[in-house]
Amino acid sequence: MTAVTHQPRLAHWPARPGPELLQLTVGDLLDQEAARDPDRLFFVCRDPDLGIDVRWTLRELKSHVDRLARGLMQLGIERGDKVGVLSPNRPEWLLANFALPKIGAVLVTVNTHSRQQELGHILAQAELRALILQGSHRGNPTLGHLRALLATGSYPGFRHAILLDGEEPGTLPFDQVLAAADAVEPAALAERQSRASPSDAWQIQFTSGTTGSPKGAMLTHFGTVNNARIFGSAAGMRPGDRLVSAMPMFHTAGNITEVLGLLVHGGTLVKATAFEPGWMLRLIHEERPTILAAVPTMVIAMLNHPSFMAGEVDTASLRLWIAGGTAMPLRVLERVRQEFGAEPQIGFGMTELSPMVSCTAMGDSLERKSQTVGRPLPHVEVKIADSEGATCRPGEPGELLVRSFGAMAGYYRQPEATARTLDAEGWLHSGDLASMDEDGTLRIVGRIKDMIKRGGENVYPAEVEDFLARHPKIAQAQVVGVPDGYMGEESAAFVQLRPGESMTPDELAAHCREHMARHKLPKYIRFVTRYPLTASGKVMKYALRENLLNELNAGDSR
């Protein structure tokens, strides 16, 4: 008699069926929704400091978008041209988010914290033709950075700096671009828009990898429209929902999950130009949103704000809190449910997947939501693979691989990096260490690429290490993440100086502040004469992390 052997289940989740995937461009989606429900209030943006007080229906939004699109055409922006946006969440950001894809141009999102070196990389790598920007933001002189870069003569293809706030020599006021629309007939815009295909890339989002070189992920109309629709359904969006958020529109969460998700689900977006806890609470009190979208650090700041603790804020309208990330502190989830009256919904995604991969279920316990990121979305296939590429068993950690309609078209002008991330079978290698339960629930264990997640921002150690190593006094640097009760994680830099050189932590910190975005700044700086090495000569980063944690814990116990 032949013995019966039972094959163990594998950590592989085949794509579940779901709603039929839409064949729509971003511009066509806006036109469709504006025709279907023109009087729906879609966008609210208020900022007394910037003099912004906007309430746009879909009819009004489409009118403003089409005007900007025609103005950009008159300016000479062609199909395939790359146009950056470097601004907080102003109404003009939303207009560009739709106007650029309507004319077949590619929107390149730029982090408002970007310093001169980082902006220069994007100008060159993305081959920007134009940049729409606010002159400065929270002390970061963005226009000054751009001027210094252009003065080098290194960007011959760059043509237009379109300024949102005022008039400056060498720039074009945004209002002047709008005025130029009169020279372009609506029929010309319609013809240009008709040439767009759902498979076209309409957005480039810069992200970093283990090489430390930021890469531009090309996202398509098809991937982003359908991801926003499917994740919105999974997270619990309903017609008539009003979502309040300060998530930056230069992130996929801010301009895909929120903007496109609410557009397709019949909702309204209430947007803060930037996060400030007191102002967010005031928006909740006055605008009566049903959904809050925020990372845990934002929520903690709001829960602990004096106005909320004094009982001055009415949050009774809130039904959901939507957050993305990995494991969430259980205490934060409990406080949101008890004190805000909102049910937490946790999603997981990555830029290269447009962006969402999974979402918790409404009926999941808070304990489960604090430990997992839910099941894969419909039409999304996921498996966990070991270092040899074999599929792991349930509960066994390995790399998270995803095959999805939302997968990027590739990294712009970086075919080798694309091939390393997106294989020939269509699997996107996330670099995240994860495990899968028997029922398909995902748990994010860590980050193979050592990515540090600080307050909702991704920090890539290799990029920071590369920057530090360029300092003339520094021989090399190693950067690790350490847990932080408020930000989730903070980065720590272990720096080895060149022989005969000296430097203080304050001196290096000042150098970093001048040249790096705020979220990338190491909180801890330690100078070392040597690194702990493996037998093969590799730096043991875990030992650096453990040594620092022991130091910090010893300090806390004193």
Protein backbone atom coordinates (compact mmCIF):
# COMPACT_ATOMS: atom_id res chain seq x y z
CA MET A 1 0.00 0.00 0.00
CA THR A 2 1.32 3.40 -0.93
CA ALA A 3 1.52 5.81 1.98
CA VAL A 4 -0.50 8.97 1.57
CA THR A 5 1.54 12.10 2.12
CA HIS A 6 -0.03 15.49 2.70
CA GLN A 7 1.61 18.40 0.96
CA PRO A 8 1.93 21.36 3.33
CA ARG A 9 0.01 24.49 2.42
CA LEU A 10 2.12 27.23 0.93
CA ALA A 11 2.20 30.95 1.63
CA HIS A 12 0.63 31.77 -1.72
CA TRP A 13 -2.61 33.71 -2.15
CA PRO A 14 -4.07 33.45 -5.67
CA ALA A 15 -5.80 36.54 -6.96
CA ARG A 16 -9.45 36.61 -5.86
CA PRO A 17 -12.11 37.72 -8.32
CA GLY A 18 -13.44 41.22 -7.88
CA PRO A 19 -15.20 43.99 -9.76
CA GLU A 20 -14.42 44.29 -13.45
CA LEU A 21 -11.32 46.42 -13.90
CA LEU A 22 -11.99 49.82 -15.45
CA GLN A 23 -10.40 50.85 -18.74
CA LEU A 24 -10.27 54.57 -17.96
CA THR A 25 -7.66 57.29 -17.93
CA VAL A 26 -7.48 59.69 -14.99
CA GLY A 27 -8.80 62.53 -17.16
CA ASP A 28 -11.69 60.46 -18.46
CA LEU A 29 -12.59 59.43 -14.90
CA LEU A 30 -12.88 63.08 -13.89
CA ASP A 31 -15.02 63.88 -16.93
CA GLN A 32 -17.24 60.86 -16.29
CA GLU A 33 -17.87 61.76 -12.65
CA ALA A 34 -18.36 65.46 -13.41
CA ALA A 35 -21.00 64.57 -16.01
CA ARG A 36 -22.72 62.11 -13.67
CA ASP A 37 -22.80 64.31 -10.55
CA PRO A 38 -21.69 67.86 -11.45
CA ASP A 39 -22.95 69.52 -8.27
CA ARG A 40 -21.23 67.15 -5.86
CA LEU A 41 -18.89 69.04 -3.54
CA PHE A 42 -15.60 67.30 -4.20
CA PHE A 43 -12.78 69.42 -2.80
CA VAL A 44 -12.46 71.59 0.29
CA CYS A 45 -9.14 73.27 1.10
CA ARG A 46 -8.70 75.94 3.76
CA ASP A 47 -5.54 77.61 5.02
CA PRO A 48 -5.83 81.10 6.54
CA ASP A 49 -2.04 81.56 6.54
CA LEU A 50 -1.87 81.05 2.77
CA GLY A 51 -5.15 82.83 2.08
CA ILE A 52 -6.74 79.64 0.73
CA ASP A 53 -10.48 78.97 1.10
CA VAL A 54 -11.72 76.74 -1.72
CA ARG A 55 -14.89 74.66 -2.06
CA TRP A 56 -15.16 73.11 -5.53
CA THR A 57 -17.93 71.04 -7.01
CA LEU A 58 -17.01 68.54 -9.70
CA ARG A 59 -18.30 70.95 -12.34
CA GLU A 60 -16.03 73.69 -11.01
CA LEU A 61 -13.07 71.35 -10.67
CA LYS A 62 -13.39 70.14 -14.26
CA SER A 63 -13.63 73.73 -15.51
CA HIS A 64 -10.46 74.75 -13.65
CA VAL A 65 -8.63 71.58 -14.72
CA ASP A 66 -9.48 72.06 -18.38
CA ARG A 67 -8.35 75.67 -18.23
CA LEU A 68 -4.98 74.69 -16.77
CA ALA A 69 -4.63 71.90 -19.33
CA ARG A 70 -5.18 74.32 -22.21
CA GLY A 71 -2.81 76.84 -20.64
CA LEU A 72 -0.09 74.21 -20.41
CA MET A 73 -0.69 73.28 -24.05
CA GLN A 74 -0.23 76.93 -25.04
CA LEU A 75 3.00 76.93 -23.03
CA GLY A 76 4.27 74.15 -25.28
CA ILE A 77 3.93 71.15 -22.96
CA GLU A 78 3.69 68.09 -25.22
CA ARG A 79 2.69 64.47 -24.78
CA GLY A 80 5.35 62.67 -22.79
CA ASP A 81 6.87 65.82 -21.30
CA LYS A 82 7.71 65.52 -17.61
CA VAL A 83 6.33 68.26 -15.36
CA GLY A 84 7.14 68.32 -11.65
CA VAL A 85 4.98 69.62 -8.82
CA LEU A 86 6.77 70.86 -5.69
CA SER A 87 4.18 72.26 -3.33
CA PRO A 88 2.15 71.58 -0.20
CA ASN A 89 -1.47 70.50 -0.67
CA ARG A 90 -2.68 73.63 -2.44
CA PRO A 91 -5.72 73.58 -4.76
CA GLU A 92 -3.35 74.05 -7.71
CA TRP A 93 -1.82 70.66 -6.88
CA LEU A 94 -5.20 69.03 -7.50
CA LEU A 95 -5.58 70.87 -10.80
CA ALA A 96 -2.18 69.67 -11.99
CA ASN A 97 -3.04 66.14 -10.85
CA PHE A 98 -5.73 66.01 -13.54
CA ALA A 99 -4.59 68.59 -16.12
CA LEU A 100 -1.22 66.99 -16.83
CA PRO A 101 -2.56 63.50 -17.62
CA LYS A 102 -5.33 65.05 -19.73
CA ILE A 103 -2.73 66.47 -22.13
CA GLY A 104 -0.58 63.35 -22.05
CA ALA A 105 2.19 64.89 -19.94
CA VAL A 106 3.69 62.98 -17.03
CA LEU A 107 3.32 64.32 -13.49
CA VAL A 108 6.52 64.01 -11.45
CA THR A 109 5.86 64.37 -7.73
CA VAL A 110 8.52 66.12 -5.64
CA ASN A 111 8.76 65.96 -1.84
CA THR A 112 8.40 69.44 -0.30
CA HIS A 113 11.32 68.65 2.04
CA SER A 114 13.71 68.09 -0.89
CA ARG A 115 16.99 69.96 -0.66
CA GLN A 116 19.05 71.22 -3.57
CA GLN A 117 20.96 67.99 -4.22
CA GLU A 118 17.78 65.91 -4.15
CA LEU A 119 15.91 68.29 -6.45
CA GLY A 120 18.84 68.29 -8.84
CA HIS A 121 18.72 64.51 -9.10
CA ILE A 122 15.03 64.62 -10.01
CA LEU A 123 15.53 67.41 -12.56
CA ALA A 124 18.16 65.33 -14.31
CA GLN A 125 16.80 61.81 -13.90
CA ALA A 126 13.20 62.67 -14.84
CA GLU A 127 14.27 65.14 -17.55
CA LEU A 128 11.86 67.77 -16.25
CA ARG A 129 10.53 70.22 -18.83
CA ALA A 130 8.77 72.37 -16.22
CA LEU A 131 8.24 72.63 -12.47
CA ILE A 132 5.13 73.97 -10.74
CA LEU A 133 6.23 75.14 -7.30
CA GLN A 134 5.57 77.19 -4.22
CA GLY A 135 8.54 79.46 -3.57
CA SER A 136 9.24 78.09 -0.10
CA HIS A 137 7.66 75.74 2.40
CA ARG A 138 8.27 75.63 6.14
CA GLY A 139 11.71 77.18 5.82
CA ASN A 140 12.78 75.18 2.77
CA PRO A 141 13.69 77.71 0.00
CA THR A 142 12.55 75.60 -2.93
CA LEU A 143 12.78 78.39 -5.50
CA GLY A 144 16.26 79.21 -4.25
CA HIS A 145 17.29 75.58 -4.75
CA LEU A 146 15.90 75.61 -8.30
CA ARG A 147 17.65 78.85 -9.20
CA ALA A 148 20.99 77.58 -7.92
CA LEU A 149 20.63 74.39 -9.95
CA LEU A 150 19.61 76.14 -13.17
CA ALA A 151 22.53 78.56 -12.81
CA THR A 152 24.91 75.62 -13.35
CA GLY A 153 23.63 75.14 -16.90
CA SER A 154 23.30 71.40 -16.29
CA TYR A 155 19.62 71.11 -17.24
CA PRO A 156 19.30 72.24 -20.88
CA GLY A 157 15.87 70.66 -21.34
CA PHE A 158 14.23 72.62 -18.53
CA ARG A 159 11.99 75.43 -19.79
CA HIS A 160 9.51 76.77 -17.22
CA ALA A 161 9.37 77.47 -13.49
CA ILE A 162 5.68 78.08 -12.78
CA LEU A 163 5.29 79.90 -9.46
CA LEU A 164 2.18 79.45 -7.33
CA ASP A 165 2.75 82.29 -4.89
CA GLY A 166 3.57 85.67 -6.39
CA GLU A 167 5.91 86.86 -9.10
CA GLU A 168 9.69 86.40 -9.17
CA PRO A 169 12.25 87.07 -11.90
CA GLY A 170 12.76 84.06 -14.14
CA THR A 171 9.44 82.46 -13.21
CA LEU A 172 6.00 82.32 -14.77
CA PRO A 173 3.05 83.11 -12.46
CA PHE A 174 0.49 80.30 -12.31
CA ASP A 175 -2.32 82.74 -13.12
CA GLN A 176 -0.53 83.66 -16.33
CA VAL A 177 -0.61 80.01 -17.40
CA LEU A 178 -4.35 79.94 -16.74
CA ALA A 179 -4.81 83.11 -18.79
CA ALA A 180 -2.97 81.50 -21.72
CA ALA A 181 -5.81 78.97 -22.01
CA ASP A 182 -7.84 81.46 -24.06
CA ALA A 183 -5.53 80.83 -27.01
CA VAL A 184 -6.36 77.09 -27.13
CA GLU A 185 -9.75 75.78 -28.25
CA PRO A 186 -11.51 73.16 -26.10
CA ALA A 187 -11.58 70.90 -29.16
CA ALA A 188 -7.77 70.87 -29.20
CA LEU A 189 -7.75 69.66 -25.59
CA ALA A 190 -10.35 67.01 -26.39
CA GLU A 191 -8.23 65.75 -29.27
CA ARG A 192 -5.10 65.62 -27.10
CA GLN A 193 -6.98 63.85 -24.30
CA SER A 194 -8.38 61.25 -26.72
CA ARG A 195 -4.84 60.09 -27.50
CA ALA A 196 -4.23 58.96 -23.91
CA SER A 197 -4.45 55.23 -23.17
CA PRO A 198 -5.17 53.53 -19.84
CA SER A 199 -1.84 51.72 -20.22
CA ASP A 200 0.11 54.99 -20.39
CA ALA A 201 2.24 56.08 -17.44
CA TRP A 202 0.86 59.38 -16.16
CA GLN A 203 2.83 59.78 -12.95
CA ILE A 204 6.41 59.27 -11.78
CA GLN A 205 6.90 58.81 -8.05
CA PHE A 206 10.48 58.85 -6.80
CA THR A 207 11.41 56.18 -4.31
CA SER A 208 14.78 54.82 -3.21
CA GLY A 209 16.38 51.43 -3.09
CA THR A 210 19.35 49.69 -1.56
CA THR A 211 21.73 51.44 -3.94
CA GLY A 212 20.77 54.78 -2.42
CA SER A 213 19.90 56.17 -5.85
CA PRO A 214 16.30 57.48 -5.99
CA LYS A 215 14.30 55.76 -8.72
CA GLY A 216 11.23 57.06 -10.53
CA ALA A 217 8.40 54.52 -10.50
CA MET A 218 6.13 54.98 -13.54
CA LEU A 219 2.49 54.48 -12.59
CA THR A 220 -0.25 53.95 -15.18
CA HIS A 221 -3.81 55.20 -15.48
CA PHE A 222 -5.06 51.59 -15.38
CA GLY A 223 -3.14 50.68 -12.25
CA THR A 224 -3.92 53.79 -10.23
CA VAL A 225 -7.61 54.16 -11.13
CA ASN A 226 -8.37 50.53 -10.33
CA ASN A 227 -6.23 50.43 -7.20
CA ALA A 228 -8.02 53.47 -5.80
CA ARG A 229 -11.40 51.94 -6.60
CA ILE A 230 -10.70 48.49 -5.17
CA PHE A 231 -8.90 49.66 -2.03
CA GLY A 232 -11.62 52.24 -1.37
CA SER A 233 -14.23 49.48 -1.41
CA ALA A 234 -12.15 47.23 0.85
CA ALA A 235 -11.50 50.03 3.34
CA GLY A 236 -15.18 50.94 3.57
CA MET A 237 -15.60 54.12 1.49
CA ARG A 238 -19.24 54.96 0.71
CA PRO A 239 -21.02 57.51 -1.49
CA GLY A 240 -21.34 60.74 0.45
CA ASP A 241 -18.25 60.15 2.60
CA ARG A 242 -16.16 63.18 3.51
CA LEU A 243 -12.50 62.34 4.10
CA VAL A 244 -10.21 64.74 5.96
CA SER A 245 -6.48 64.45 5.46
CA ALA A 246 -3.16 66.24 5.58
CA MET A 247 -1.34 63.42 3.77
CA PRO A 248 0.93 65.04 1.16
CA MET A 249 -0.24 64.88 -2.41
CA PHE A 250 3.30 64.04 -3.50
CA HIS A 251 2.67 60.60 -1.99
CA THR A 252 0.53 57.90 -3.60
CA ALA A 253 -1.74 57.84 -0.54
CA GLY A 254 -2.50 61.52 -0.96
CA ASN A 255 -3.12 61.72 -4.69
CA ILE A 256 -4.22 58.20 -5.64
CA THR A 257 -5.83 56.48 -2.67
CA GLU A 258 -7.57 59.67 -1.52
CA VAL A 259 -8.18 61.80 -4.62
CA LEU A 260 -9.01 59.04 -7.10
CA GLY A 261 -10.63 56.84 -4.45
CA LEU A 262 -13.08 59.55 -3.39
CA LEU A 263 -13.71 60.53 -7.01
CA VAL A 264 -14.76 57.03 -8.01
CA HIS A 265 -16.68 56.34 -4.77
CA GLY A 266 -18.77 59.51 -4.70
CA GLY A 267 -17.02 61.26 -1.81
CA THR A 268 -15.57 64.63 -0.84
CA LEU A 269 -11.95 65.43 0.07
CA VAL A 270 -11.28 67.92 2.87
CA LYS A 271 -7.57 68.71 2.56
CA ALA A 272 -5.20 70.50 4.91
CA THR A 273 -2.27 72.08 3.09
CA ALA A 274 0.11 70.53 5.65
CA PHE A 275 -0.26 68.76 8.97
CA GLU A 276 -0.84 70.78 12.12
CA PRO A 277 -2.81 68.92 14.82
CA GLY A 278 -4.86 71.87 16.04
CA TRP A 279 -5.93 72.81 12.51
CA MET A 280 -6.80 69.20 11.66
CA LEU A 281 -9.03 69.02 14.74
CA ARG A 282 -10.70 72.27 13.73
CA LEU A 283 -11.40 70.87 10.26
CA ILE A 284 -12.96 67.78 11.84
CA HIS A 285 -15.10 69.95 14.12
CA GLU A 286 -16.28 72.29 11.36
CA GLU A 287 -16.38 70.14 8.20
CA ARG A 288 -17.91 67.01 9.79
CA PRO A 289 -15.88 64.38 7.91
CA THR A 290 -16.76 60.69 8.11
CA ILE A 291 -13.23 59.40 7.43
CA LEU A 292 -9.86 60.44 8.83
CA ALA A 293 -6.77 59.47 6.81
CA ALA A 294 -3.56 59.85 8.80
CA VAL A 295 -0.45 58.01 9.94
CA PRO A 296 -0.22 57.08 13.64
CA THR A 297 2.14 59.95 14.52
CA MET A 298 -0.45 62.43 13.28
CA VAL A 299 -3.23 60.73 15.22
CA ILE A 300 -1.20 60.68 18.44
CA ALA A 301 -0.54 64.42 18.11
CA MET A 302 -4.25 65.05 17.61
CA LEU A 303 -5.34 62.88 20.52
CA ASN A 304 -2.86 64.67 22.79
CA HIS A 305 -3.67 68.19 21.58
CA PRO A 306 -4.96 70.56 24.30
CA SER A 307 -8.12 71.44 22.36
CA PHE A 308 -9.13 67.80 22.03
CA MET A 309 -8.24 66.93 25.61
CA ALA A 310 -10.29 69.92 26.80
CA GLY A 311 -13.37 68.55 25.03
CA GLU A 312 -13.54 71.41 22.52
CA VAL A 313 -13.61 69.18 19.41
CA ASP A 314 -16.63 67.21 18.22
CA THR A 315 -15.51 64.07 16.38
CA ALA A 316 -18.92 62.37 16.35
CA SER A 317 -19.08 62.49 12.54
CA LEU A 318 -16.05 60.18 12.15
CA ARG A 319 -16.78 56.59 11.15
CA LEU A 320 -13.39 55.35 9.92
CA TRP A 321 -9.70 55.98 10.40
CA ILE A 322 -7.71 54.74 7.39
CA ALA A 323 -3.99 54.26 7.95
CA GLY A 324 -1.23 52.57 6.03
CA GLY A 325 1.91 50.95 7.29
CA THR A 326 3.01 47.87 9.13
CA ALA A 327 2.21 46.92 12.72
CA MET A 328 0.14 49.53 14.55
CA PRO A 329 0.35 50.15 18.31
CA LEU A 330 -2.73 48.55 19.88
CA ARG A 331 -3.11 51.43 22.33
CA VAL A 332 -3.40 53.91 19.46
CA LEU A 333 -6.10 51.81 17.79
CA GLU A 334 -8.00 51.60 21.07
CA ARG A 335 -7.82 55.34 21.66
CA VAL A 336 -9.03 56.13 18.13
CA ARG A 337 -12.04 53.86 18.57
CA GLN A 338 -12.82 55.08 22.10
CA GLU A 339 -12.00 58.79 21.84
CA PHE A 340 -12.61 59.60 18.16
CA GLY A 341 -15.38 57.05 17.70
CA ALA A 342 -13.76 55.84 14.46
CA GLU A 343 -13.08 52.27 13.41
CA PRO A 344 -9.44 51.75 12.34
CA GLN A 345 -8.79 50.25 8.93
CA ILE A 346 -5.19 49.28 8.14
CA GLY A 347 -3.83 48.95 4.63
CA PHE A 348 -0.42 48.04 3.28
CA GLY A 349 1.11 49.16 0.03
CA MET A 350 4.18 50.37 -1.77
CA THR A 351 4.68 53.05 -4.38
CA GLU A 352 5.55 50.59 -7.15
CA LEU A 353 2.12 48.92 -6.80
CA SER A 354 -0.02 52.06 -7.23
CA PRO A 355 0.06 51.64 -4.15
CA MET A 356 -2.18 49.33 -2.07
CA VAL A 357 -1.76 45.57 -1.68
CA SER A 358 -3.94 44.57 1.28
CA CYS A 359 -6.47 45.79 3.81
CA THR A 360 -7.90 44.61 7.10
CA ALA A 361 -11.56 43.61 7.25
CA MET A 362 -14.17 45.65 9.09
CA GLY A 363 -14.89 42.73 11.41
CA ASP A 364 -11.27 42.14 12.43
CA SER A 365 -10.47 42.65 16.10
CA LEU A 366 -8.23 45.53 17.13
CA GLU A 367 -5.63 43.00 18.23
CA ARG A 368 -5.61 41.54 14.73
CA LYS A 369 -5.45 44.98 13.15
CA SER A 370 -2.47 45.87 15.34
CA GLN A 371 -0.53 42.79 14.23
CA THR A 372 -1.47 42.33 10.57
CA VAL A 373 -2.17 44.30 7.41
CA GLY A 374 -5.12 42.17 6.31
CA ARG A 375 -5.61 40.07 3.21
CA PRO A 376 -4.63 40.90 -0.36
CA LEU A 377 -7.09 42.98 -2.35
CA PRO A 378 -9.17 41.39 -5.13
CA HIS A 379 -7.21 40.82 -8.36
CA VAL A 380 -3.94 40.87 -6.36
CA GLU A 381 -1.77 37.74 -6.08
CA VAL A 382 0.74 37.45 -3.24
CA LYS A 383 3.31 34.91 -2.15
CA ILE A 384 6.11 34.74 0.39
CA ALA A 385 9.41 33.44 -0.99
CA ASP A 386 12.66 32.40 0.65
CA SER A 387 16.10 33.57 -0.43
CA GLU A 388 16.21 30.84 -3.10
CA GLY A 389 12.86 31.86 -4.57
CA ALA A 390 10.89 28.91 -3.21
CA THR A 391 7.45 29.61 -1.74
CA CYS A 392 7.48 29.56 2.06
CA ARG A 393 5.02 27.76 4.31
CA PRO A 394 2.36 29.67 6.26
CA GLY A 395 3.88 31.58 9.16
CA GLU A 396 7.40 31.35 7.75
CA PRO A 397 9.01 34.74 7.02
CA GLY A 398 10.33 35.53 3.59
CA GLU A 399 10.21 38.22 0.94
CA LEU A 400 6.80 39.56 -0.02
CA LEU A 401 6.20 39.15 -3.76
CA VAL A 402 3.17 40.69 -5.46
CA ARG A 403 1.63 40.23 -8.90
CA SER A 404 -0.95 42.93 -9.50
CA PHE A 405 -2.76 45.04 -12.07
CA GLY A 406 -1.26 48.01 -10.21
CA ALA A 407 2.37 47.10 -10.84
CA MET A 408 4.45 49.98 -12.15
CA ALA A 409 5.49 50.15 -15.78
CA GLY A 410 9.08 50.27 -14.54
CA TYR A 411 11.62 52.74 -13.19
CA TYR A 412 12.08 55.62 -15.60
CA ARG A 413 15.37 55.33 -17.51
CA GLN A 414 16.59 52.56 -15.19
CA PRO A 415 16.03 49.20 -16.94
CA GLU A 416 18.47 47.28 -14.76
CA ALA A 417 16.80 48.46 -11.56
CA THR A 418 13.43 47.58 -13.10
CA ALA A 419 14.59 44.05 -13.91
CA ARG A 420 15.79 43.55 -10.33
CA THR A 421 12.41 44.55 -8.93
CA LEU A 422 9.91 43.31 -11.53
CA ASP A 423 10.75 39.84 -12.80
CA ALA A 424 9.87 38.15 -16.09
CA GLU A 425 6.84 36.41 -14.57
CA GLY A 426 5.33 39.67 -13.40
CA TRP A 427 6.22 39.31 -9.72
CA LEU A 428 7.23 42.53 -8.02
CA HIS A 429 9.89 41.89 -5.38
CA SER A 430 8.97 44.21 -2.53
CA GLY A 431 12.07 43.88 -0.39
CA ASP A 432 9.77 43.53 2.62
CA LEU A 433 10.11 40.62 5.01
CA ALA A 434 6.65 39.21 5.68
CA SER A 435 4.71 36.09 6.56
CA MET A 436 1.29 34.81 5.57
CA ASP A 437 -1.22 33.03 7.78
CA GLU A 438 -3.22 30.02 6.57
CA ASP A 439 -6.12 32.32 5.67
CA GLY A 440 -4.00 34.70 3.60
CA THR A 441 -3.57 37.36 6.26
CA LEU A 442 -0.26 39.20 5.89
CA ARG A 443 2.13 40.15 8.66
CA ILE A 444 5.01 42.51 7.89
CA VAL A 445 8.01 41.25 9.83
CA GLY A 446 10.71 43.68 8.79
CA ARG A 447 12.41 45.20 5.79
CA ILE A 448 14.92 43.31 3.78
CA LYS A 449 16.18 46.60 2.38
CA ASP A 450 16.54 48.02 5.91
CA MET A 451 14.04 50.72 5.09
CA ILE A 452 13.21 52.95 8.04
CA LYS A 453 9.61 54.16 8.35
CA ARG A 454 9.61 57.46 10.19
CA GLY A 455 6.23 59.06 10.78
CA GLY A 456 4.81 57.80 7.48
CA GLU A 457 7.93 58.73 5.47
CA ASN A 458 10.26 56.09 4.07
CA VAL A 459 13.94 56.58 4.87
CA TYR A 460 16.41 54.42 2.98
CA PRO A 461 19.69 53.93 4.87
CA ALA A 462 21.74 53.49 1.70
CA GLU A 463 20.70 56.91 0.44
CA VAL A 464 21.64 58.59 3.74
CA GLU A 465 24.90 56.61 3.90
CA ASP A 466 25.77 57.72 0.39
CA PHE A 467 25.13 61.36 1.32
CA LEU A 468 27.20 61.18 4.51
CA ALA A 469 30.09 59.49 2.75
CA ARG A 470 30.40 62.46 0.38
CA HIS A 471 31.50 64.71 3.24
CA PRO A 472 35.25 65.32 2.93
CA LYS A 473 35.88 64.38 6.56
CA ILE A 474 33.94 61.09 6.47
CA ALA A 475 35.38 57.76 5.39
CA GLN A 476 32.14 55.80 5.56
CA ALA A 477 28.83 55.65 7.37
CA GLN A 478 26.29 53.04 8.39
CA VAL A 479 22.66 53.94 9.09
CA VAL A 480 20.17 51.80 11.01
CA GLY A 481 16.65 52.25 12.31
CA VAL A 482 15.77 52.15 15.98
CA PRO A 483 12.28 52.04 17.53
CA ASP A 484 10.75 55.32 18.59
CA GLY A 485 7.56 55.67 20.60
CA TYR A 486 6.35 58.70 18.67
CA MET A 487 7.72 58.50 15.12
CA GLY A 488 7.62 54.70 14.89
CA GLU A 489 11.29 54.59 13.94
CA GLU A 490 14.23 57.00 13.93
CA SER A 491 17.52 56.66 12.11
CA ALA A 492 20.93 56.43 13.69
CA ALA A 493 24.19 57.12 11.85
CA PHE A 494 27.46 55.42 12.81
CA VAL A 495 30.19 57.49 11.19
CA GLN A 496 33.84 56.65 10.64
CA LEU A 497 36.00 59.72 9.99
CA ARG A 498 38.99 59.90 7.72
CA PRO A 499 42.37 59.64 9.48
CA GLY A 500 43.36 62.86 11.19
CA GLU A 501 39.91 64.44 10.88
CA SER A 502 37.66 65.55 13.71
CA MET A 503 33.99 66.49 13.84
CA THR A 504 31.27 66.98 16.43
CA PRO A 505 27.74 65.54 16.23
CA ASP A 506 26.37 69.08 16.10
CA GLU A 507 28.58 69.93 13.13
CA LEU A 508 27.41 66.88 11.19
CA ALA A 509 23.78 67.45 12.16
CA ALA A 510 23.98 71.02 10.82
CA HIS A 511 25.43 69.72 7.54
CA CYS A 512 22.58 67.23 7.23
CA ARG A 513 19.91 69.84 7.95
CA GLU A 514 21.29 72.06 5.20
CA HIS A 515 21.33 69.41 2.49
CA MET A 516 18.81 66.70 3.37
CA ALA A 517 15.05 66.48 3.73
CA ARG A 518 13.91 66.65 7.33
CA HIS A 519 12.56 63.10 7.54
CA LYS A 520 15.96 61.69 6.51
CA LEU A 521 17.94 63.42 9.27
CA PRO A 522 19.59 60.97 11.69
CA LYS A 523 18.30 61.51 15.21
CA TYR A 524 21.35 59.78 16.67
CA ILE A 525 24.94 60.32 15.50
CA ARG A 526 27.77 58.20 16.83
CA PHE A 527 31.42 58.31 15.75
CA VAL A 528 33.20 54.96 15.59
CA THR A 529 36.74 53.89 14.81
CA ARG A 530 35.66 50.53 13.40
CA TYR A 531 32.56 48.48 12.66
CA PRO A 532 31.65 44.99 13.84
CA LEU A 533 32.17 42.72 10.84
CA THR A 534 31.14 39.23 9.81
CA ALA A 535 33.70 36.69 8.71
CA SER A 536 33.10 37.75 5.13
CA GLY A 537 33.77 41.39 5.98
CA LYS A 538 30.18 42.66 5.99
CA VAL A 539 29.11 45.20 8.60
CA MET A 540 26.84 43.67 11.23
CA LYS A 541 24.17 46.36 11.36
CA TYR A 542 22.16 44.45 13.92
CA ALA A 543 25.09 44.75 16.33
CA LEU A 544 25.22 48.52 15.83
CA ARG A 545 21.49 48.72 16.50
CA GLU A 546 21.71 46.56 19.63
CA ASN A 547 24.60 48.60 21.03
CA LEU A 548 22.69 51.84 20.60
CA LEU A 549 19.52 50.40 22.13
CA ASN A 550 21.52 49.21 25.14
CA GLU A 551 23.00 52.70 25.48
CA LEU A 552 19.61 54.37 25.24
CA ASN A 553 17.99 51.94 27.67
CA ALA A 554 20.81 52.44 30.16
CA GLY A 555 20.29 56.18 29.93
CA ASP A 556 16.55 55.81 30.55
CA SER A 557 17.17 53.73 33.68
CA ARG A 558 19.39 56.36 35.31
